[in-house]
């Protein structure tokens, strides 16, 4: 019974940390709940996509990740230009 309580709270903490870093709450909840200590540490060390450079699609204006080749909203092929690096 004590393991279930500990696993739940570690899962909750891992889910919150994962969500703050831009990932799925449910996935990190499961990871941190199944392996409590290791899962929470993995969620803390996980690289967040919040820090990744972004650019806007010229057609629809959706903000896309810099490494995306296509806009996920309108399907336009995104060019990689010097303006993208700035």
PDB file of N, CA and C in Angstrom:
ATOM      1  N   UNK A   1       0.820  -1.197   0.000  1.00  0.00           N
ATOM      2  CA  UNK A   1       0.000   0.000   0.000  1.00  0.00           C
ATOM      3  C   UNK A   1       0.860   1.256   0.000  1.00  0.00           C
ATOM      4  N   UNK A   2       1.943   1.220   0.791  1.00  0.00           N
ATOM      5  CA  UNK A   2       2.830   2.385   0.864  1.00  0.00           C
ATOM      6  C   UNK A   2       3.500   2.644  -0.482  1.00  0.00           C
ATOM      7  N   UNK A   3       3.840   1.559  -1.218  1.00  0.00           N
ATOM      8  CA  UNK A   3       4.466   1.721  -2.528  1.00  0.00           C
ATOM      9  C   UNK A   3       3.528   2.432  -3.499  1.00  0.00           C
ATOM     10  N   UNK A   4       2.250   2.132  -3.438  1.00  0.00           N
ATOM     11  CA  UNK A   4       1.276   2.767  -4.336  1.00  0.00           C
ATOM     12  C   UNK A   4       1.186   4.263  -4.056  1.00  0.00           C
ATOM     13  N   UNK A   5       1.190   4.641  -2.801  1.00  0.00           N
ATOM     14  CA  UNK A   5       1.136   6.066  -2.442  1.00  0.00           C
ATOM     15  C   UNK A   5       2.401   6.777  -2.908  1.00  0.00           C
ATOM     16  N   UNK A   6       3.558   6.167  -2.666  1.00  0.00           N
ATOM     17  CA  UNK A   6       4.824   6.755  -3.102  1.00  0.00           C
ATOM     18  C   UNK A   6       4.869   6.859  -4.623  1.00  0.00           C
ATOM     19  N   UNK A   7       4.463   5.797  -5.310  1.00  0.00           N
ATOM     20  CA  UNK A   7       4.466   5.801  -6.777  1.00  0.00           C
ATOM     21  C   UNK A   7       3.522   6.870  -7.320  1.00  0.00           C
ATOM     22  N   UNK A   8       2.364   7.051  -6.686  1.00  0.00           N
ATOM     23  CA  UNK A   8       1.418   8.071  -7.146  1.00  0.00           C
ATOM     24  C   UNK A   8       2.014   9.474  -7.032  1.00  0.00           C
ATOM     25  N   UNK A   9       2.623   9.789  -5.893  1.00  0.00           N
ATOM     26  CA  UNK A   9       3.168  11.131  -5.710  1.00  0.00           C
ATOM     27  C   UNK A   9       4.406  11.381  -6.570  1.00  0.00           C
ATOM     28  N   UNK A  10       5.231  10.371  -6.765  1.00  0.00           N
ATOM     29  CA  UNK A  10       6.345  10.529  -7.693  1.00  0.00           C
ATOM     30  C   UNK A  10       5.818  10.689  -9.122  1.00  0.00           C
ATOM     31  N   UNK A  11       4.782   9.942  -9.469  1.00  0.00           N
ATOM     32  CA  UNK A  11       4.169  10.090 -10.789  1.00  0.00           C
ATOM     33  C   UNK A  11       3.581  11.470 -10.987  1.00  0.00           C
ATOM     34  N   UNK A  12       2.933  11.988  -9.958  1.00  0.00           N
ATOM     35  CA  UNK A  12       2.371  13.338 -10.024  1.00  0.00           C
ATOM     36  C   UNK A  12       3.474  14.376 -10.208  1.00  0.00           C
ATOM     37  N   UNK A  13       4.540  14.251  -9.456  1.00  0.00           N
ATOM     38  CA  UNK A  13       5.659  15.194  -9.575  1.00  0.00           C
ATOM     39  C   UNK A  13       6.316  15.082 -10.949  1.00  0.00           C
ATOM     40  N   UNK A  14       6.521  13.875 -11.425  1.00  0.00           N
ATOM     41  CA  UNK A  14       7.119  13.679 -12.749  1.00  0.00           C
ATOM     42  C   UNK A  14       6.230  14.220 -13.852  1.00  0.00           C
ATOM     43  N   UNK A  15       4.923  14.042 -13.714  1.00  0.00           N
ATOM     44  CA  UNK A  15       3.988  14.571 -14.706  1.00  0.00           C
ATOM     45  C   UNK A  15       3.985  16.079 -14.755  1.00  0.00           C
ATOM     46  N   UNK A  16       4.047  16.714 -13.601  1.00  0.00           N
ATOM     47  CA  UNK A  16       4.069  18.178 -13.546  1.00  0.00           C
ATOM     48  C   UNK A  16       5.363  18.711 -14.149  1.00  0.00           C
ATOM     49  N   UNK A  17       6.489  18.101 -13.803  1.00  0.00           N
ATOM     50  CA  UNK A  17       7.772  18.543 -14.352  1.00  0.00           C
ATOM     51  C   UNK A  17       7.793  18.346 -15.868  1.00  0.00           C
ATOM     52  N   UNK A  18       7.316  17.210 -16.336  1.00  0.00           N
ATOM     53  CA  UNK A  18       7.266  16.955 -17.779  1.00  0.00           C
ATOM     54  C   UNK A  18       6.372  17.935 -18.507  1.00  0.00           C
ATOM     55  N   UNK A  19       5.240  18.261 -17.911  1.00  0.00           N
ATOM     56  CA  UNK A  19       4.317  19.212 -18.536  1.00  0.00           C
ATOM     57  C   UNK A  19       4.912  20.615 -18.576  1.00  0.00           C
ATOM     58  N   UNK A  20       5.626  21.011 -17.535  1.00  0.00           N
ATOM     59  CA  UNK A  20       6.277  22.322 -17.517  1.00  0.00           C
ATOM     60  C   UNK A  20       7.352  22.434 -18.593  1.00  0.00           C
ATOM     61  N   UNK A  21       7.918  21.308 -18.989  1.00  0.00           N
ATOM     62  CA  UNK A  21       8.938  21.312 -20.032  1.00  0.00           C
ATOM     63  C   UNK A  21       8.342  21.127 -21.420  1.00  0.00           C
ATOM     64  N   UNK A  22       7.019  21.123 -21.524  1.00  0.00           N
ATOM     65  CA  UNK A  22       6.360  21.066 -22.823  1.00  0.00           C
ATOM     66  C   UNK A  22       6.043  19.685 -23.334  1.00  0.00           C
ATOM     67  N   UNK A  23       6.102  18.695 -22.492  1.00  0.00           N
ATOM     68  CA  UNK A  23       5.816  17.329 -22.895  1.00  0.00           C
ATOM     69  C   UNK A  23       4.465  16.891 -22.318  1.00  0.00           C
ATOM     70  N   UNK A  24       4.135  15.634 -22.492  1.00  0.00           N
ATOM     71  CA  UNK A  24       2.860  15.101 -22.041  1.00  0.00           C
ATOM     72  C   UNK A  24       2.872  14.808 -20.541  1.00  0.00           C
ATOM     73  N   UNK A  25       1.861  15.298 -19.838  1.00  0.00           N
ATOM     74  CA  UNK A  25       1.731  15.021 -18.407  1.00  0.00           C
ATOM     75  C   UNK A  25       1.539  13.530 -18.176  1.00  0.00           C
ATOM     76  N   UNK A  26       0.656  12.912 -18.949  1.00  0.00           N
ATOM     77  CA  UNK A  26       0.304  11.510 -18.736  1.00  0.00           C
ATOM     78  C   UNK A  26       1.497  10.577 -18.954  1.00  0.00           C
ATOM     79  N   UNK A  27       2.288  10.838 -19.991  1.00  0.00           N
ATOM     80  CA  UNK A  27       3.453   9.985 -20.265  1.00  0.00           C
ATOM     81  C   UNK A  27       4.456  10.063 -19.126  1.00  0.00           C
ATOM     82  N   UNK A  28       4.763  11.294 -18.665  1.00  0.00           N
ATOM     83  CA  UNK A  28       5.729  11.430 -17.580  1.00  0.00           C
ATOM     84  C   UNK A  28       5.149  10.952 -16.253  1.00  0.00           C
ATOM     85  N   UNK A  29       3.844  11.038 -16.085  1.00  0.00           N
ATOM     86  CA  UNK A  29       3.213  10.475 -14.893  1.00  0.00           C
ATOM     87  C   UNK A  29       3.446   8.966 -14.849  1.00  0.00           C
ATOM     88  N   UNK A  30       3.220   8.296 -15.964  1.00  0.00           N
ATOM     89  CA  UNK A  30       3.417   6.846 -16.021  1.00  0.00           C
ATOM     90  C   UNK A  30       4.873   6.459 -15.796  1.00  0.00           C
ATOM     91  N   UNK A  31       5.790   7.175 -16.442  1.00  0.00           N
ATOM     92  CA  UNK A  31       7.207   6.857 -16.286  1.00  0.00           C
ATOM     93  C   UNK A  31       7.644   7.023 -14.836  1.00  0.00           C
ATOM     94  N   UNK A  32       7.278   8.147 -14.237  1.00  0.00           N
ATOM     95  CA  UNK A  32       7.702   8.414 -12.859  1.00  0.00           C
ATOM     96  C   UNK A  32       6.977   7.534 -11.850  1.00  0.00           C
ATOM     97  N   UNK A  33       5.793   7.062 -12.167  1.00  0.00           N
ATOM     98  CA  UNK A  33       5.068   6.189 -11.242  1.00  0.00           C
ATOM     99  C   UNK A  33       5.571   4.749 -11.314  1.00  0.00           C
ATOM    100  N   UNK A  34       5.980   4.313 -12.494  1.00  0.00           N
ATOM    101  CA  UNK A  34       6.448   2.932 -12.636  1.00  0.00           C
ATOM    102  C   UNK A  34       7.824   2.757 -11.996  1.00  0.00           C
ATOM    103  N   UNK A  35       8.720   3.696 -12.233  1.00  0.00           N
ATOM    104  CA  UNK A  35      10.046   3.668 -11.607  1.00  0.00           C
ATOM    105  C   UNK A  35      10.232   4.995 -10.869  1.00  0.00           C
ATOM    106  N   UNK A  36       9.758   5.079  -9.633  1.00  0.00           N
ATOM    107  CA  UNK A  36       9.628   6.354  -8.943  1.00  0.00           C
ATOM    108  C   UNK A  36      10.856   7.262  -8.925  1.00  0.00           C
ATOM    109  N   UNK A  37      11.961   6.841  -8.404  1.00  0.00           N
ATOM    110  CA  UNK A  37      13.101   7.746  -8.276  1.00  0.00           C
ATOM    111  C   UNK A  37      13.721   8.050  -9.635  1.00  0.00           C
ATOM    112  N   UNK A  38      13.943   7.025 -10.420  1.00  0.00           N
ATOM    113  CA  UNK A  38      14.583   7.184 -11.723  1.00  0.00           C
ATOM    114  C   UNK A  38      13.681   7.974 -12.677  1.00  0.00           C
ATOM    115  N   UNK A  39      12.398   7.727 -12.632  1.00  0.00           N
ATOM    116  CA  UNK A  39      11.465   8.432 -13.507  1.00  0.00           C
ATOM    117  C   UNK A  39      11.401   9.920 -13.226  1.00  0.00           C
ATOM    118  N   UNK A  40      11.417  10.289 -11.962  1.00  0.00           N
ATOM    119  CA  UNK A  40      11.397  11.713 -11.614  1.00  0.00           C
ATOM    120  C   UNK A  40      12.698  12.388 -12.027  1.00  0.00           C
ATOM    121  N   UNK A  41      13.817  11.727 -11.819  1.00  0.00           N
ATOM    122  CA  UNK A  41      15.099  12.294 -12.234  1.00  0.00           C
ATOM    123  C   UNK A  41      15.153  12.441 -13.754  1.00  0.00           C
ATOM    124  N   UNK A  42      14.615  11.457 -14.484  1.00  0.00           N
ATOM    125  CA  UNK A  42      14.580  11.545 -15.941  1.00  0.00           C
ATOM    126  C   UNK A  42      13.713  12.718 -16.391  1.00  0.00           C
ATOM    127  N   UNK A  43      12.600  12.958 -15.724  1.00  0.00           N
ATOM    128  CA  UNK A  43      11.739  14.088 -16.071  1.00  0.00           C
ATOM    129  C   UNK A  43      12.437  15.415 -15.797  1.00  0.00           C
ATOM    130  N   UNK A  44      13.211  15.475 -14.726  1.00  0.00           N
ATOM    131  CA  UNK A  44      13.935  16.707 -14.408  1.00  0.00           C
ATOM    132  C   UNK A  44      15.042  16.962 -15.424  1.00  0.00           C
ATOM    133  N   UNK A  45      15.739  15.914 -15.849  1.00  0.00           N
ATOM    134  CA  UNK A  45      16.847  16.064 -16.782  1.00  0.00           C
ATOM    135  C   UNK A  45      16.404  16.132 -18.243  1.00  0.00           C
ATOM    136  N   UNK A  46      15.138  15.881 -18.506  1.00  0.00           N
ATOM    137  CA  UNK A  46      14.611  15.891 -19.866  1.00  0.00           C
ATOM    138  C   UNK A  46      14.751  17.284 -20.477  1.00  0.00           C
ATOM    139  N   UNK A  47      15.214  17.325 -21.717  1.00  0.00           N
ATOM    140  CA  UNK A  47      15.371  18.608 -22.412  1.00  0.00           C
ATOM    141  C   UNK A  47      14.002  19.114 -22.849  1.00  0.00           C
ATOM    142  N   UNK A  48      13.672  20.301 -22.436  1.00  0.00           N
ATOM    143  CA  UNK A  48      12.383  20.875 -22.784  1.00  0.00           C
ATOM    144  C   UNK A  48      12.391  21.523 -24.146  1.00  0.00           C
ATOM    145  N   UNK A  49      11.268  21.449 -24.853  1.00  0.00           N
ATOM    146  CA  UNK A  49      11.177  22.072 -26.164  1.00  0.00           C
ATOM    147  C   UNK A  49      10.826  23.544 -26.080  1.00  0.00           C
ATOM    148  N   UNK A  50      10.685  24.069 -24.900  1.00  0.00           N
ATOM    149  CA  UNK A  50      10.387  25.484 -24.734  1.00  0.00           C
ATOM    150  C   UNK A  50      11.586  26.319 -25.173  1.00  0.00           C
ATOM    151  N   UNK A  51      12.789  25.787 -24.980  1.00  0.00           N
ATOM    152  CA  UNK A  51      14.013  26.508 -25.294  1.00  0.00           C
ATOM    153  C   UNK A  51      14.419  26.394 -26.762  1.00  0.00           C
ATOM    154  N   UNK A  52      13.738  25.589 -27.535  1.00  0.00           N
ATOM    155  CA  UNK A  52      14.090  25.394 -28.930  1.00  0.00           C
ATOM    156  C   UNK A  52      13.724  26.622 -29.764  1.00  0.00           C
ATOM    157  N   UNK A  53      14.567  26.978 -30.738  1.00  0.00           N
ATOM    158  CA  UNK A  53      14.234  28.120 -31.612  1.00  0.00           C
ATOM    159  C   UNK A  53      13.020  27.811 -32.482  1.00  0.00           C
ATOM    160  N   UNK A  54      12.248  28.832 -32.751  1.00  0.00           N
ATOM    161  CA  UNK A  54      11.015  28.675 -33.528  1.00  0.00           C
ATOM    162  C   UNK A  54      10.957  29.708 -34.638  1.00  0.00           C
ATOM    163  N   UNK A  55      10.073  29.460 -35.594  1.00  0.00           N
ATOM    164  CA  UNK A  55       9.818  30.404 -36.680  1.00  0.00           C
ATOM    165  C   UNK A  55       8.353  30.331 -37.057  1.00  0.00           C
ATOM    166  N   UNK A  56       7.887  31.349 -37.775  1.00  0.00           N
ATOM    167  CA  UNK A  56       6.486  31.388 -38.178  1.00  0.00           C
ATOM    168  C   UNK A  56       6.334  30.952 -39.621  1.00  0.00           C
ATOM    169  N   UNK A  57       5.245  30.270 -39.890  1.00  0.00           N
ATOM    170  CA  UNK A  57       4.905  29.881 -41.253  1.00  0.00           C
ATOM    171  C   UNK A  57       4.471  31.143 -42.008  1.00  0.00           C
ATOM    172  N   UNK A  58       5.029  31.387 -43.197  1.00  0.00           N
ATOM    173  CA  UNK A  58       4.651  32.594 -43.931  1.00  0.00           C
ATOM    174  C   UNK A  58       3.211  32.558 -44.466  1.00  0.00           C
ATOM    175  N   UNK A  59       2.634  31.368 -44.638  1.00  0.00           N
ATOM    176  CA  UNK A  59       1.284  31.268 -45.182  1.00  0.00           C
ATOM    177  C   UNK A  59       0.212  31.430 -44.104  1.00  0.00           C
ATOM    178  N   UNK A  60       0.304  30.648 -43.019  1.00  0.00           N
ATOM    179  CA  UNK A  60      -0.786  30.654 -42.025  1.00  0.00           C
ATOM    180  C   UNK A  60      -0.401  31.331 -40.709  1.00  0.00           C
ATOM    181  N   UNK A  61       0.891  31.567 -40.474  1.00  0.00           N
ATOM    182  CA  UNK A  61       1.323  32.256 -39.270  1.00  0.00           C
ATOM    183  C   UNK A  61       1.523  31.366 -38.065  1.00  0.00           C
ATOM    184  N   UNK A  62       1.385  30.048 -38.218  1.00  0.00           N
ATOM    185  CA  UNK A  62       1.591  29.126 -37.091  1.00  0.00           C
ATOM    186  C   UNK A  62       3.063  29.101 -36.700  1.00  0.00           C
ATOM    187  N   UNK A  63       3.338  29.083 -35.411  1.00  0.00           N
ATOM    188  CA  UNK A  63       4.701  29.000 -34.931  1.00  0.00           C
ATOM    189  C   UNK A  63       5.151  27.549 -34.984  1.00  0.00           C
ATOM    190  N   UNK A  64       6.229  27.299 -35.732  1.00  0.00           N
ATOM    191  CA  UNK A  64       6.754  25.955 -35.919  1.00  0.00           C
ATOM    192  C   UNK A  64       8.161  25.881 -35.347  1.00  0.00           C
ATOM    193  N   UNK A  65       8.604  24.689 -35.049  1.00  0.00           N
ATOM    194  CA  UNK A  65       9.974  24.497 -34.596  1.00  0.00           C
ATOM    195  C   UNK A  65      10.918  24.774 -35.760  1.00  0.00           C
ATOM    196  N   UNK A  66      12.122  25.203 -35.465  1.00  0.00           N
ATOM    197  CA  UNK A  66      13.084  25.563 -36.482  1.00  0.00           C
ATOM    198  C   UNK A  66      13.423  24.383 -37.381  1.00  0.00           C
ATOM    199  N   UNK A  67      13.450  23.182 -36.824  1.00  0.00           N
ATOM    200  CA  UNK A  67      13.833  22.006 -37.591  1.00  0.00           C
ATOM    201  C   UNK A  67      12.694  21.401 -38.403  1.00  0.00           C
ATOM    202  N   UNK A  68      11.472  21.932 -38.301  1.00  0.00           N
ATOM    203  CA  UNK A  68      10.354  21.412 -39.084  1.00  0.00           C
ATOM    204  C   UNK A  68      10.524  21.765 -40.550  1.00  0.00           C
ATOM    205  N   UNK A  69      10.294  20.797 -41.419  1.00  0.00           N
ATOM    206  CA  UNK A  69      10.392  21.035 -42.853  1.00  0.00           C
ATOM    207  C   UNK A  69       9.038  21.435 -43.435  1.00  0.00           C
ATOM    208  N   UNK A  70       7.949  21.010 -42.783  1.00  0.00           N
ATOM    209  CA  UNK A  70       6.595  21.327 -43.236  1.00  0.00           C
ATOM    210  C   UNK A  70       5.801  21.931 -42.094  1.00  0.00           C
ATOM    211  N   UNK A  71       4.914  22.865 -42.437  1.00  0.00           N
ATOM    212  CA  UNK A  71       3.995  23.417 -41.449  1.00  0.00           C
ATOM    213  C   UNK A  71       2.940  22.361 -41.147  1.00  0.00           C
ATOM    214  N   UNK A  72       2.685  22.102 -39.884  1.00  0.00           N
ATOM    215  CA  UNK A  72       1.713  21.070 -39.515  1.00  0.00           C
ATOM    216  C   UNK A  72       0.276  21.534 -39.686  1.00  0.00           C
ATOM    217  N   UNK A  73       0.049  22.816 -39.831  1.00  0.00           N
ATOM    218  CA  UNK A  73      -1.302  23.327 -40.007  1.00  0.00           C
ATOM    219  C   UNK A  73      -1.706  23.359 -41.482  1.00  0.00           C
ATOM    220  N   UNK A  74      -0.882  23.988 -42.327  1.00  0.00           N
ATOM    221  CA  UNK A  74      -1.283  24.170 -43.729  1.00  0.00           C
ATOM    222  C   UNK A  74      -0.506  23.295 -44.702  1.00  0.00           C
ATOM    223  N   UNK A  75       0.590  22.687 -44.276  1.00  0.00           N
ATOM    224  CA  UNK A  75       1.355  21.790 -45.127  1.00  0.00           C
ATOM    225  C   UNK A  75       2.363  22.470 -46.027  1.00  0.00           C
ATOM    226  N   UNK A  76       2.582  23.760 -45.838  1.00  0.00           N
ATOM    227  CA  UNK A  76       3.538  24.478 -46.674  1.00  0.00           C
ATOM    228  C   UNK A  76       4.960  24.037 -46.345  1.00  0.00           C
ATOM    229  N   UNK A  77       5.781  23.886 -47.385  1.00  0.00           N
ATOM    230  CA  UNK A  77       7.176  23.532 -47.181  1.00  0.00           C
ATOM    231  C   UNK A  77       7.918  24.767 -46.693  1.00  0.00           C
ATOM    232  N   UNK A  78       8.581  24.635 -45.566  1.00  0.00           N
ATOM    233  CA  UNK A  78       9.282  25.759 -44.952  1.00  0.00           C
ATOM    234  C   UNK A  78      10.722  25.788 -45.433  1.00  0.00           C
ATOM    235  N   UNK A  79      11.134  26.932 -45.936  1.00  0.00           N
ATOM    236  CA  UNK A  79      12.494  27.103 -46.436  1.00  0.00           C
ATOM    237  C   UNK A  79      13.437  27.398 -45.273  1.00  0.00           C
ATOM    238  N   UNK A  80      14.657  26.934 -45.392  1.00  0.00           N
ATOM    239  CA  UNK A  80      15.676  27.237 -44.391  1.00  0.00           C
ATOM    240  C   UNK A  80      16.565  28.308 -44.979  1.00  0.00           C
ATOM    241  N   UNK A  81      16.422  29.542 -44.511  1.00  0.00           N
ATOM    242  CA  UNK A  81      17.166  30.673 -45.045  1.00  0.00           C
ATOM    243  C   UNK A  81      18.041  31.287 -43.951  1.00  0.00           C
ATOM    244  N   UNK A  82      18.805  32.307 -44.333  1.00  0.00           N
ATOM    245  CA  UNK A  82      19.648  33.000 -43.355  1.00  0.00           C
ATOM    246  C   UNK A  82      18.807  33.741 -42.344  1.00  0.00           C
ATOM    247  N   UNK A  83      17.611  34.207 -42.739  1.00  0.00           N
ATOM    248  CA  UNK A  83      16.722  34.895 -41.802  1.00  0.00           C
ATOM    249  C   UNK A  83      16.268  33.968 -40.684  1.00  0.00           C
ATOM    250  N   UNK A  84      16.236  32.693 -40.955  1.00  0.00           N
ATOM    251  CA  UNK A  84      15.814  31.711 -39.964  1.00  0.00           C
ATOM    252  C   UNK A  84      16.815  31.618 -38.818  1.00  0.00           C
ATOM    253  N   UNK A  85      18.077  31.825 -39.105  1.00  0.00           N
ATOM    254  CA  UNK A  85      19.116  31.718 -38.087  1.00  0.00           C
ATOM    255  C   UNK A  85      19.110  32.901 -37.133  1.00  0.00           C
ATOM    256  N   UNK A  86      18.592  34.024 -37.551  1.00  0.00           N
ATOM    257  CA  UNK A  86      18.627  35.226 -36.707  1.00  0.00           C
ATOM    258  C   UNK A  86      17.617  35.167 -35.590  1.00  0.00           C
TER     259      UNK A  86
END
